[in-house]
PDB file of N, CA and C in Angstrom:
ATOM      1  N   UNK A   1     -37.625  -0.573 -46.563  1.00  0.00           N
ATOM      2  CA  UNK A   1     -36.771   0.046 -47.398  1.00  0.00           C
ATOM      3  C   UNK A   1     -37.786  -0.908 -48.702  1.00  0.00           C
ATOM      4  N   UNK A   2     -38.271  -0.424 -50.141  1.00  0.00           N
ATOM      5  CA  UNK A   2     -38.410  -0.809 -51.407  1.00  0.00           C
ATOM      6  C   UNK A   2     -37.642  -0.119 -52.152  1.00  0.00           C
ATOM      7  N   UNK A   3     -36.701  -1.084 -52.954  1.00  0.00           N
ATOM      8  CA  UNK A   3     -36.297  -0.596 -54.369  1.00  0.00           C
ATOM      9  C   UNK A   3     -36.844  -1.475 -55.148  1.00  0.00           C
ATOM     10  N   UNK A   4     -37.115  -0.360 -55.994  1.00  0.00           N
ATOM     11  CA  UNK A   4     -37.581  -0.838 -57.470  1.00  0.00           C
ATOM     12  C   UNK A   4     -36.622  -0.363 -58.770  1.00  0.00           C
ATOM     13  N   UNK A   5     -36.537  -1.584 -59.514  1.00  0.00           N
ATOM     14  CA  UNK A   5     -35.401  -0.770 -60.760  1.00  0.00           C
ATOM     15  C   UNK A   5     -35.979  -0.616 -61.962  1.00  0.00           C
ATOM     16  N   UNK A   6     -36.510   0.477 -62.522  1.00  0.00           N
ATOM     17  CA  UNK A   6     -37.061   0.946 -64.065  1.00  0.00           C
ATOM     18  C   UNK A   6     -36.511   0.347 -64.835  1.00  0.00           C
ATOM     19  N   UNK A   7     -36.909  -0.407 -65.986  1.00  0.00           N
ATOM     20  CA  UNK A   7     -36.247   0.064 -66.904  1.00  0.00           C
ATOM     21  C   UNK A   7     -36.709   0.896 -67.923  1.00  0.00           C
ATOM     22  N   UNK A   8     -36.185   1.984 -68.497  1.00  0.00           N
ATOM     23  CA  UNK A   8     -37.354   3.204 -69.422  1.00  0.00           C
ATOM     24  C   UNK A   8     -36.738   3.113 -70.591  1.00  0.00           C
ATOM     25  N   UNK A   9     -37.446   3.211 -71.769  1.00  0.00           N
ATOM     26  CA  UNK A   9     -37.258   3.452 -73.231  1.00  0.00           C
ATOM     27  C   UNK A   9     -38.166   4.736 -73.145  1.00  0.00           C
ATOM     28  N   UNK A  10     -37.025   5.634 -74.008  1.00  0.00           N
ATOM     29  CA  UNK A  10     -37.135   7.160 -74.056  1.00  0.00           C
ATOM     30  C   UNK A  10     -37.196   7.311 -75.543  1.00  0.00           C
ATOM     31  N   UNK A  11     -37.746   8.513 -76.304  1.00  0.00           N
ATOM     32  CA  UNK A  11     -37.518   9.110 -77.157  1.00  0.00           C
ATOM     33  C   UNK A  11     -35.874   9.084 -77.172  1.00  0.00           C
ATOM     34  N   UNK A  12     -35.417   8.428 -78.246  1.00  0.00           N
ATOM     35  CA  UNK A  12     -33.681   8.646 -78.472  1.00  0.00           C
ATOM     36  C   UNK A  12     -33.375  10.566 -78.453  1.00  0.00           C
ATOM     37  N   UNK A  13     -34.080  10.957 -79.273  1.00  0.00           N
ATOM     38  CA  UNK A  13     -33.537  12.878 -79.390  1.00  0.00           C
ATOM     39  C   UNK A  13     -33.754  13.092 -77.779  1.00  0.00           C
ATOM     40  N   UNK A  14     -34.540  12.626 -76.701  1.00  0.00           N
ATOM     41  CA  UNK A  14     -34.584  13.075 -75.721  1.00  0.00           C
ATOM     42  C   UNK A  14     -33.946  12.954 -74.418  1.00  0.00           C
ATOM     43  N   UNK A  15     -33.070  12.079 -74.447  1.00  0.00           N
ATOM     44  CA  UNK A  15     -32.344  10.831 -73.193  1.00  0.00           C
ATOM     45  C   UNK A  15     -32.118  11.733 -71.771  1.00  0.00           C
ATOM     46  N   UNK A  16     -31.159  12.645 -72.581  1.00  0.00           N
ATOM     47  CA  UNK A  16     -30.938  13.318 -71.188  1.00  0.00           C
ATOM     48  C   UNK A  16     -31.704  14.372 -70.490  1.00  0.00           C
ATOM     49  N   UNK A  17     -32.765  15.207 -71.135  1.00  0.00           N
ATOM     50  CA  UNK A  17     -33.660  15.375 -70.129  1.00  0.00           C
ATOM     51  C   UNK A  17     -34.596  14.190 -69.781  1.00  0.00           C
ATOM     52  N   UNK A  18     -35.177  13.466 -70.865  1.00  0.00           N
ATOM     53  CA  UNK A  18     -36.003  12.901 -69.598  1.00  0.00           C
ATOM     54  C   UNK A  18     -35.111  12.167 -68.493  1.00  0.00           C
ATOM     55  N   UNK A  19     -34.062  11.692 -68.750  1.00  0.00           N
ATOM     56  CA  UNK A  19     -32.994  11.347 -67.490  1.00  0.00           C
ATOM     57  C   UNK A  19     -33.145  12.321 -66.148  1.00  0.00           C
ATOM     58  N   UNK A  20     -32.730  13.427 -66.569  1.00  0.00           N
ATOM     59  CA  UNK A  20     -32.984  14.440 -65.799  1.00  0.00           C
ATOM     60  C   UNK A  20     -34.253  14.570 -65.089  1.00  0.00           C
ATOM     61  N   UNK A  21     -35.162  14.636 -65.655  1.00  0.00           N
ATOM     62  CA  UNK A  21     -36.880  15.103 -65.417  1.00  0.00           C
ATOM     63  C   UNK A  21     -36.780  13.424 -64.427  1.00  0.00           C
ATOM     64  N   UNK A  22     -36.615  12.579 -64.827  1.00  0.00           N
ATOM     65  CA  UNK A  22     -36.471  11.359 -63.910  1.00  0.00           C
ATOM     66  C   UNK A  22     -35.963  11.176 -62.471  1.00  0.00           C
ATOM     67  N   UNK A  23     -34.410  11.975 -62.618  1.00  0.00           N
ATOM     68  CA  UNK A  23     -34.103  11.888 -61.393  1.00  0.00           C
ATOM     69  C   UNK A  23     -34.467  13.283 -60.143  1.00  0.00           C
ATOM     70  N   UNK A  24     -35.065  13.723 -61.198  1.00  0.00           N
ATOM     71  CA  UNK A  24     -35.459  14.754 -60.066  1.00  0.00           C
ATOM     72  C   UNK A  24     -37.071  14.849 -59.029  1.00  0.00           C
ATOM     73  N   UNK A  25     -37.331  13.623 -59.809  1.00  0.00           N
ATOM     74  CA  UNK A  25     -38.606  13.039 -58.712  1.00  0.00           C
ATOM     75  C   UNK A  25     -37.823  12.321 -57.369  1.00  0.00           C
ATOM     76  N   UNK A  26     -39.247  12.841 -56.722  1.00  0.00           N
ATOM     77  CA  UNK A  26     -39.165  12.447 -55.387  1.00  0.00           C
ATOM     78  C   UNK A  26     -39.387  10.666 -55.068  1.00  0.00           C
ATOM     79  N   UNK A  27     -38.585  10.138 -54.437  1.00  0.00           N
ATOM     80  CA  UNK A  27     -38.371   8.530 -54.802  1.00  0.00           C
ATOM     81  C   UNK A  27     -37.339   8.239 -55.801  1.00  0.00           C
ATOM     82  N   UNK A  28     -36.668   8.481 -56.026  1.00  0.00           N
ATOM     83  CA  UNK A  28     -35.774   8.016 -57.642  1.00  0.00           C
ATOM     84  C   UNK A  28     -34.379   8.610 -56.907  1.00  0.00           C
ATOM     85  N   UNK A  29     -33.678   7.766 -56.642  1.00  0.00           N
ATOM     86  CA  UNK A  29     -32.283   7.679 -56.048  1.00  0.00           C
ATOM     87  C   UNK A  29     -31.005   7.758 -57.653  1.00  0.00           C
ATOM     88  N   UNK A  30     -31.252   7.323 -58.501  1.00  0.00           N
ATOM     89  CA  UNK A  30     -30.714   6.902 -59.019  1.00  0.00           C
ATOM     90  C   UNK A  30     -31.022   7.088 -60.549  1.00  0.00           C
ATOM     91  N   UNK A  31     -30.221   7.561 -61.919  1.00  0.00           N
ATOM     92  CA  UNK A  31     -30.756   7.261 -63.150  1.00  0.00           C
ATOM     93  C   UNK A  31     -29.246   7.000 -63.966  1.00  0.00           C
ATOM     94  N   UNK A  32     -29.495   6.060 -64.974  1.00  0.00           N
ATOM     95  CA  UNK A  32     -28.264   5.278 -65.776  1.00  0.00           C
ATOM     96  C   UNK A  32     -28.924   5.526 -66.774  1.00  0.00           C
ATOM     97  N   UNK A  33     -27.941   6.237 -67.648  1.00  0.00           N
ATOM     98  CA  UNK A  33     -28.115   5.942 -69.023  1.00  0.00           C
ATOM     99  C   UNK A  33     -27.296   4.660 -70.185  1.00  0.00           C
ATOM    100  N   UNK A  34     -27.792   3.737 -70.310  1.00  0.00           N
ATOM    101  CA  UNK A  34     -27.170   1.960 -70.588  1.00  0.00           C
ATOM    102  C   UNK A  34     -27.162   2.317 -72.031  1.00  0.00           C
ATOM    103  N   UNK A  35     -26.582   1.038 -72.238  1.00  0.00           N
ATOM    104  CA  UNK A  35     -26.214   0.483 -73.543  1.00  0.00           C
ATOM    105  C   UNK A  35     -27.673  -0.451 -73.650  1.00  0.00           C
ATOM    106  N   UNK A  36     -28.162  -1.053 -74.902  1.00  0.00           N
ATOM    107  CA  UNK A  36     -29.323  -2.552 -74.636  1.00  0.00           C
ATOM    108  C   UNK A  36     -30.309  -1.839 -75.449  1.00  0.00           C
ATOM    109  N   UNK A  37     -31.156  -2.741 -75.238  1.00  0.00           N
ATOM    110  CA  UNK A  37     -32.496  -2.363 -75.857  1.00  0.00           C
ATOM    111  C   UNK A  37     -33.203  -1.439 -75.057  1.00  0.00           C
ATOM    112  N   UNK A  38     -33.253  -1.137 -74.044  1.00  0.00           N
ATOM    113  CA  UNK A  38     -33.959  -0.110 -72.765  1.00  0.00           C
ATOM    114  C   UNK A  38     -32.576   1.301 -73.156  1.00  0.00           C
ATOM    115  N   UNK A  39     -33.158   2.393 -72.688  1.00  0.00           N
ATOM    116  CA  UNK A  39     -32.370   3.949 -72.612  1.00  0.00           C
ATOM    117  C   UNK A  39     -31.899   4.213 -71.322  1.00  0.00           C
ATOM    118  N   UNK A  40     -32.349   4.068 -70.201  1.00  0.00           N
ATOM    119  CA  UNK A  40     -32.387   4.166 -69.246  1.00  0.00           C
ATOM    120  C   UNK A  40     -32.709   3.477 -67.486  1.00  0.00           C
ATOM    121  N   UNK A  41     -32.238   3.186 -66.321  1.00  0.00           N
ATOM    122  CA  UNK A  41     -32.523   2.682 -65.703  1.00  0.00           C
ATOM    123  C   UNK A  41     -32.571   3.218 -64.514  1.00  0.00           C
ATOM    124  N   UNK A  42     -33.662   3.793 -63.776  1.00  0.00           N
ATOM    125  CA  UNK A  42     -33.922   4.191 -63.031  1.00  0.00           C
ATOM    126  C   UNK A  42     -34.401   3.177 -61.250  1.00  0.00           C
ATOM    127  N   UNK A  43     -33.443   3.913 -60.143  1.00  0.00           N
ATOM    128  CA  UNK A  43     -33.755   2.868 -58.999  1.00  0.00           C
ATOM    129  C   UNK A  43     -34.658   3.949 -58.165  1.00  0.00           C
ATOM    130  N   UNK A  44     -35.531   3.379 -57.736  1.00  0.00           N
ATOM    131  CA  UNK A  44     -36.379   4.378 -56.985  1.00  0.00           C
ATOM    132  C   UNK A  44     -36.447   3.296 -55.733  1.00  0.00           C
ATOM    133  N   UNK A  45     -36.305   3.980 -54.527  1.00  0.00           N
ATOM    134  CA  UNK A  45     -36.010   3.772 -53.177  1.00  0.00           C
ATOM    135  C   UNK A  45     -37.400   4.803 -52.295  1.00  0.00           C
ATOM    136  N   UNK A  46     -38.048   3.653 -51.865  1.00  0.00           N
ATOM    137  CA  UNK A  46     -39.443   4.603 -51.287  1.00  0.00           C
ATOM    138  C   UNK A  46     -39.860   3.648 -50.136  1.00  0.00           C
ATOM    139  N   UNK A  47     -40.648   3.643 -49.154  1.00  0.00           N
ATOM    140  CA  UNK A  47     -41.241   2.906 -47.787  1.00  0.00           C
ATOM    141  C   UNK A  47     -42.175   1.957 -48.022  1.00  0.00           C
ATOM    142  N   UNK A  48     -42.724   1.761 -48.997  1.00  0.00           N
ATOM    143  CA  UNK A  48     -44.162   0.834 -49.134  1.00  0.00           C
ATOM    144  C   UNK A  48     -44.624   0.985 -50.939  1.00  0.00           C
ATOM    145  N   UNK A  49     -45.254  -0.483 -50.866  1.00  0.00           N
ATOM    146  CA  UNK A  49     -45.694  -0.827 -52.489  1.00  0.00           C
ATOM    147  C   UNK A  49     -46.468   0.545 -52.717  1.00  0.00           C
ATOM    148  N   UNK A  50     -47.645   1.315 -52.157  1.00  0.00           N
ATOM    149  CA  UNK A  50     -48.002   1.687 -52.601  1.00  0.00           C
ATOM    150  C   UNK A  50     -47.014   3.641 -53.394  1.00  0.00           C
ATOM    151  N   UNK A  51     -46.252   3.566 -52.464  1.00  0.00           N
ATOM    152  CA  UNK A  51     -45.238   4.672 -53.449  1.00  0.00           C
ATOM    153  C   UNK A  51     -44.541   4.569 -54.657  1.00  0.00           C
ATOM    154  N   UNK A  52     -44.203   3.346 -54.580  1.00  0.00           N
ATOM    155  CA  UNK A  52     -43.292   2.857 -56.010  1.00  0.00           C
ATOM    156  C   UNK A  52     -44.808   2.876 -56.809  1.00  0.00           C
ATOM    157  N   UNK A  53     -45.927   2.696 -56.640  1.00  0.00           N
ATOM    158  CA  UNK A  53     -46.600   3.096 -57.755  1.00  0.00           C
ATOM    159  C   UNK A  53     -47.211   4.190 -58.155  1.00  0.00           C
ATOM    160  N   UNK A  54     -47.084   5.267 -56.639  1.00  0.00           N
ATOM    161  CA  UNK A  54     -46.807   6.310 -56.983  1.00  0.00           C
ATOM    162  C   UNK A  54     -46.069   6.981 -58.036  1.00  0.00           C
ATOM    163  N   UNK A  55     -44.966   6.711 -57.539  1.00  0.00           N
ATOM    164  CA  UNK A  55     -43.683   7.056 -58.376  1.00  0.00           C
ATOM    165  C   UNK A  55     -43.394   6.341 -59.729  1.00  0.00           C
ATOM    166  N   UNK A  56     -43.830   5.444 -60.625  1.00  0.00           N
ATOM    167  CA  UNK A  56     -43.874   5.006 -60.829  1.00  0.00           C
ATOM    168  C   UNK A  56     -44.964   5.192 -62.137  1.00  0.00           C
ATOM    169  N   UNK A  57     -46.413   4.600 -61.591  1.00  0.00           N
ATOM    170  CA  UNK A  57     -47.496   4.608 -62.503  1.00  0.00           C
ATOM    171  C   UNK A  57     -48.006   6.619 -62.428  1.00  0.00           C
ATOM    172  N   UNK A  58     -47.776   6.856 -61.543  1.00  0.00           N
ATOM    173  CA  UNK A  58     -48.112   8.327 -61.428  1.00  0.00           C
ATOM    174  C   UNK A  58     -47.376   9.235 -61.661  1.00  0.00           C
ATOM    175  N   UNK A  59     -46.001   9.494 -61.964  1.00  0.00           N
ATOM    176  CA  UNK A  59     -45.138  10.385 -62.353  1.00  0.00           C
ATOM    177  C   UNK A  59     -44.145   9.710 -63.515  1.00  0.00           C
ATOM    178  N   UNK A  60     -43.143   8.873 -62.879  1.00  0.00           N
ATOM    179  CA  UNK A  60     -42.171   8.494 -63.667  1.00  0.00           C
ATOM    180  C   UNK A  60     -42.449   8.046 -65.377  1.00  0.00           C
ATOM    181  N   UNK A  61     -44.054   7.754 -65.583  1.00  0.00           N
ATOM    182  CA  UNK A  61     -44.281   7.373 -66.749  1.00  0.00           C
ATOM    183  C   UNK A  61     -44.936   8.465 -67.287  1.00  0.00           C
ATOM    184  N   UNK A  62     -45.427   9.425 -66.835  1.00  0.00           N
ATOM    185  CA  UNK A  62     -45.652  10.312 -67.564  1.00  0.00           C
ATOM    186  C   UNK A  62     -44.795  11.759 -67.835  1.00  0.00           C
ATOM    187  N   UNK A  63     -43.475  11.466 -67.645  1.00  0.00           N
ATOM    188  CA  UNK A  63     -42.811  11.972 -67.839  1.00  0.00           C
ATOM    189  C   UNK A  63     -42.870  12.338 -69.598  1.00  0.00           C
ATOM    190  N   UNK A  64     -42.622  13.508 -70.363  1.00  0.00           N
ATOM    191  CA  UNK A  64     -42.623  13.811 -71.717  1.00  0.00           C
ATOM    192  C   UNK A  64     -41.351  12.930 -72.302  1.00  0.00           C
ATOM    193  N   UNK A  65     -41.425  12.159 -73.246  1.00  0.00           N
ATOM    194  CA  UNK A  65     -40.238  11.303 -73.826  1.00  0.00           C
ATOM    195  C   UNK A  65     -40.114  10.295 -73.561  1.00  0.00           C
ATOM    196  N   UNK A  66     -40.775   9.939 -72.151  1.00  0.00           N
ATOM    197  CA  UNK A  66     -40.849   8.361 -71.523  1.00  0.00           C
ATOM    198  C   UNK A  66     -41.324   7.564 -72.462  1.00  0.00           C
ATOM    199  N   UNK A  67     -41.459   6.381 -73.202  1.00  0.00           N
ATOM    200  CA  UNK A  67     -42.411   5.871 -74.314  1.00  0.00           C
ATOM    201  C   UNK A  67     -42.589   4.399 -73.674  1.00  0.00           C
ATOM    202  N   UNK A  68     -42.061   3.967 -72.770  1.00  0.00           N
ATOM    203  CA  UNK A  68     -42.127   2.571 -72.036  1.00  0.00           C
ATOM    204  C   UNK A  68     -41.904   2.507 -70.959  1.00  0.00           C
ATOM    205  N   UNK A  69     -42.264   1.671 -69.691  1.00  0.00           N
ATOM    206  CA  UNK A  69     -41.195   1.562 -68.983  1.00  0.00           C
ATOM    207  C   UNK A  69     -41.876  -0.408 -68.326  1.00  0.00           C
ATOM    208  N   UNK A  70     -40.692  -1.065 -67.501  1.00  0.00           N
ATOM    209  CA  UNK A  70     -40.861  -2.104 -67.055  1.00  0.00           C
ATOM    210  C   UNK A  70     -39.645  -1.997 -65.968  1.00  0.00           C
ATOM    211  N   UNK A  71     -40.656  -2.617 -64.708  1.00  0.00           N
ATOM    212  CA  UNK A  71     -40.288  -2.492 -63.322  1.00  0.00           C
ATOM    213  C   UNK A  71     -40.127  -3.792 -62.433  1.00  0.00           C
ATOM    214  N   UNK A  72     -38.816  -4.064 -61.756  1.00  0.00           N
ATOM    215  CA  UNK A  72     -38.570  -5.076 -60.912  1.00  0.00           C
ATOM    216  C   UNK A  72     -38.676  -4.264 -59.435  1.00  0.00           C
ATOM    217  N   UNK A  73     -39.269  -5.189 -58.694  1.00  0.00           N
ATOM    218  CA  UNK A  73     -39.327  -5.191 -57.286  1.00  0.00           C
ATOM    219  C   UNK A  73     -38.133  -5.618 -56.663  1.00  0.00           C
ATOM    220  N   UNK A  74     -37.157  -5.202 -55.764  1.00  0.00           N
ATOM    221  CA  UNK A  74     -36.034  -5.711 -55.360  1.00  0.00           C
ATOM    222  C   UNK A  74     -36.375  -6.746 -54.360  1.00  0.00           C
ATOM    223  N   UNK A  75     -35.912  -8.271 -53.771  1.00  0.00           N
ATOM    224  CA  UNK A  75     -36.312  -8.806 -52.627  1.00  0.00           C
ATOM    225  C   UNK A  75     -35.230  -8.399 -51.843  1.00  0.00           C
ATOM    226  N   UNK A  76     -34.153  -8.768 -52.131  1.00  0.00           N
ATOM    227  CA  UNK A  76     -32.824  -9.178 -50.735  1.00  0.00           C
ATOM    228  C   UNK A  76     -32.118  -7.892 -51.614  1.00  0.00           C
ATOM    229  N   UNK A  77     -31.180  -7.575 -51.018  1.00  0.00           N
ATOM    230  CA  UNK A  77     -30.048  -7.043 -51.221  1.00  0.00           C
ATOM    231  C   UNK A  77     -28.600  -7.524 -50.950  1.00  0.00           C
ATOM    232  N   UNK A  78     -27.818  -8.800 -51.731  1.00  0.00           N
ATOM    233  CA  UNK A  78     -26.467  -8.950 -50.970  1.00  0.00           C
ATOM    234  C   UNK A  78     -25.418  -8.357 -51.105  1.00  0.00           C
ATOM    235  N   UNK A  79     -25.529  -6.980 -51.782  1.00  0.00           N
ATOM    236  CA  UNK A  79     -24.486  -6.416 -51.325  1.00  0.00           C
ATOM    237  C   UNK A  79     -24.692  -4.942 -51.430  1.00  0.00           C
ATOM    238  N   UNK A  80     -23.882  -4.006 -50.267  1.00  0.00           N
ATOM    239  CA  UNK A  80     -24.124  -2.353 -50.281  1.00  0.00           C
ATOM    240  C   UNK A  80     -22.827  -2.333 -49.844  1.00  0.00           C
ATOM    241  N   UNK A  81     -22.685  -0.752 -50.868  1.00  0.00           N
ATOM    242  CA  UNK A  81     -21.369  -0.649 -50.816  1.00  0.00           C
ATOM    243  C   UNK A  81     -21.533   1.153 -50.980  1.00  0.00           C
ATOM    244  N   UNK A  82     -20.985   1.676 -50.153  1.00  0.00           N
ATOM    245  CA  UNK A  82     -21.010   3.146 -49.962  1.00  0.00           C
ATOM    246  C   UNK A  82     -20.194   3.653 -50.924  1.00  0.00           C
ATOM    247  N   UNK A  83     -21.232   4.374 -51.822  1.00  0.00           N
ATOM    248  CA  UNK A  83     -20.079   4.913 -53.146  1.00  0.00           C
ATOM    249  C   UNK A  83     -19.566   6.031 -52.383  1.00  0.00           C
ATOM    250  N   UNK A  84     -19.461   6.915 -51.693  1.00  0.00           N
ATOM    251  CA  UNK A  84     -18.964   8.041 -51.161  1.00  0.00           C
ATOM    252  C   UNK A  84     -17.069   7.309 -50.373  1.00  0.00           C
ATOM    253  N   UNK A  85     -17.624   6.664 -49.953  1.00  0.00           N
ATOM    254  CA  UNK A  85     -16.600   6.082 -49.316  1.00  0.00           C
ATOM    255  C   UNK A  85     -15.336   5.031 -50.543  1.00  0.00           C
ATOM    256  N   UNK A  86     -16.096   4.373 -51.609  1.00  0.00           N
ATOM    257  CA  UNK A  86     -15.289   3.577 -52.410  1.00  0.00           C
ATOM    258  C   UNK A  86     -14.718   5.082 -53.323  1.00  0.00           C
ATOM    259  N   UNK A  87     -15.237   6.048 -53.400  1.00  0.00           N
ATOM    260  CA  UNK A  87     -14.746   6.983 -54.391  1.00  0.00           C
ATOM    261  C   UNK A  87     -13.957   7.860 -53.506  1.00  0.00           C
ATOM    262  N   UNK A  88     -13.576   7.490 -52.011  1.00  0.00           N
ATOM    263  CA  UNK A  88     -12.924   8.677 -51.332  1.00  0.00           C
ATOM    264  C   UNK A  88     -11.611   8.776 -51.762  1.00  0.00           C
ATOM    265  N   UNK A  89     -10.835   9.782 -51.807  1.00  0.00           N
ATOM    266  CA  UNK A  89      -9.413   9.797 -52.105  1.00  0.00           C
ATOM    267  C   UNK A  89      -8.905   9.829 -50.911  1.00  0.00           C
ATOM    268  N   UNK A  90      -9.551   9.434 -49.484  1.00  0.00           N
ATOM    269  CA  UNK A  90      -8.560   9.850 -48.090  1.00  0.00           C
ATOM    270  C   UNK A  90      -8.125  10.667 -47.940  1.00  0.00           C
ATOM    271  N   UNK A  91      -8.408  12.436 -48.498  1.00  0.00           N
ATOM    272  CA  UNK A  91      -8.263  13.043 -47.237  1.00  0.00           C
ATOM    273  C   UNK A  91      -8.341  13.959 -46.484  1.00  0.00           C
ATOM    274  N   UNK A  92      -8.760  13.056 -45.442  1.00  0.00           N
ATOM    275  CA  UNK A  92      -9.262  13.339 -43.888  1.00  0.00           C
ATOM    276  C   UNK A  92      -8.336  14.000 -43.110  1.00  0.00           C
TER     277      UNK A  92
END
């Protein structure tokens, strides 16, 4: 599995709908709105590098309101946490 972290700059007036459109793309697991010089961070998790290109270059970059992207490919994961268990209320 390949993980790509995509920094997204978007039209400020359209950030919520841009985030939702990106989140709906196959291969995108999460989208976060963030502070700083970028507007959104998208996590792309796919099987191979060709799929990264397909998701980012062919789809994500073409979402209306996306003005630019910067993609980083992850080499290794040093922590893996199960968000479901982290937020579990223990109501088994």
